[in-house]
Amino acid sequence: MLSPFVTVVLPSTVGGLLYAVGTLAAFRSDEAGTNSLATATLLVTAGATAAVVVAAPGDTTTMRALVGAATVAATVPWLVFVLQYTGNGELATWPRVTAAATPPVVFAAWTLVSATVGLPTGLSDSPLVAVAASVAVLGTFLLVVSGSALHLYSSLAYDSVESSAGAALWLPVAAPLLAVAFASATPAPASSLAVATLVGGVAVGGGTTLWDVFDTTPAAGRYGRRRLADEITDPVAFLDADGDVIETNDAFDRQFEVQEAAATGDPLPAVIGATLSELVATDSVELITDEGRRQFAPRVSQLHDHRDRVRGTIVVLADITDQKLREQRLAVLNRVVRHNLRNELSVVRGFAQEIGNEGVSNDLAADRIVEASDNLITLGERAREAAQLFDHDPETREVDLGSFVSEIAADLHEEAASLTVETNVPPDARVETDPELLYRSLSHLAQNAVVHNDTDDPRVVVTVTTDCEGAYPVEVTVRDNGPGIPTHEWTAIEEGEETPLEHGSGLGLWAVRWAVTRLGGELQYEQNEPRGSVVRLRLPVADDTQSGTATEPVVGAAVERA
């Protein structure tokens, strides 16, 4: 029969010393969660030391109370360690930790007091105390189970984390806690507590000093995946099997004006305005973002588990707005330049051949050649201006719409003295946008209304509305009483491509569309009554406003007549 010194005192003492070694090593480490682990092991060390010093070798009740109280209290910093170790440290906020600490602290205090000095008379039999004790025990049990499950899952999920390392970081709290829970069921409760303390001490002492348990941690992999997703400049969303958003990257949050926590759990259409099936069925989709209307190329991939079962979906939205605009510009310029160049050169060649022929007015031929040449020069200038729209790097500023509209109205009066221009702009009407692109758009629309007006009393009305609902709170409307925009020209603008049957006669409206698209807005058109055109330029509100206010058109923003 072994003496109590060998079965209880010696293993408890050695275990306590090993706990102290592990605590010191953990405090000196700078890996994720080591301070929290050190706090937990320090509490167990204190309980083991107190059990050896205070309790007699055979006093199982006192030993169990001291070790149990210390271990139960250690479950709180141990759970914080597990969250930090697995890369979920952001969940360990002070309010949450305080709430989680309440059951273990109550349980530890109740255990310690009842086993050492005893509860006051009448209190031990109180139903209220019994209920509180049961809740404290249940809460502590849930903390231990949830922390153990998370720790076990993370240890198994990462191939780089050795299972022995997971055990070494789980046993320091689990071993004495299990011994306390089942001490009464063993033939030698004191020895069981001492051996459990020794096992936990070997695990934490050896793990932190000899086995490099912190050499690789799950936190690195989890933070790495998050950082990788956030480094991607395209919006990325992770969906569960039901199609609900469960996680997003920084680019997604910025583009769609959501906080990751706010988007979590919402169906994808509620966040971006498009269903998963719509994204799968198309090569490009137009979505309303923080920057206005943008075009994206969606990439949808299924997420599989280790058994190849579909567990969710990852959606990547590549912004192809500028790419599409450049492709569109090349297609339009190719058609317009080829068509107009051929027509005007045919005029030049035809009249040049007629010069000197009998019955042909040389002056008329020369005038027509000059006119065709001027048209070609204008075409070149329009093409140059279209290129400038794409070379311009948008800079968001606060724009005074009243000053802009007044400047455009003054320009129109200088070009057409008989023109009547009416403006309706609310006081202090402002919008956060790029001044140059906005001025080009409005100037083109206003000058189109004048150049093509065939009435004796040309009239243009510019109206600004700043309280519209939806994605475009700012709307600028240009009305005129001219002949209106031909249906085939507007159809080409609206559909974004020209065909042999539906195409424009120039680049003016295309320049407006391209500028408005780069602003993140949209164009709308309808016929005016009784005649004329109504074109609406709808603008979003940007968040990244630069300092300063644009009250006048920027230098270099002058446009040619459309």
Foldseek 3Di string as FASTA:
>chain_A
DDDLCVLFVVLLVLLLVLLVLLLVLLVPDPFWLSPLLSQLSVLLSQLSVCLNPPPDSQCLLQNLLSNQLSLLQSLLSLLCSLCRLQQNNVVPDPVVSVVLNVLSNLLSVVSNCCSPVRDPPPPVPDPVNVVSNVVSVVSSVVSLVVSLVSLQCLQVVDPVQDVLLSCLSNLLSVQLNVLSVCLVVDPRSSSSNSVSSSVNSCSSSCSSPPVPSSPDTNSVVVVVVLVVQQVDLWKKFWFWPVQATQAIYPNLCQFQVHDRVRRHRHHPCVRWVDHPVVLVVDQKDWTQTLLAIFIWGKDKDFDADPVRDTTTIMITTHTCRLVLLVVLLVQQLVVQCVVLVVVLVVLLVVLVVCPPPPPDDVVVSVVSNVVSVVVNVVQVQLNVVLVVLSVDDFAWAKEQVVLLVVVLVVVVCVVPVLEAEAEAEDPRDIATFGQLLVSLLVNLVQLVQVVQADDPRKYKYWYWAQCDDDQFRIKIKIWIAGAEDDPLPVVCLVVSHHDPRRHDNGCSVVSNSSSLVSSNWHWDWDADPPGTIMIMRTGGHHDPHDDDYHSYRDPPSDDDHD
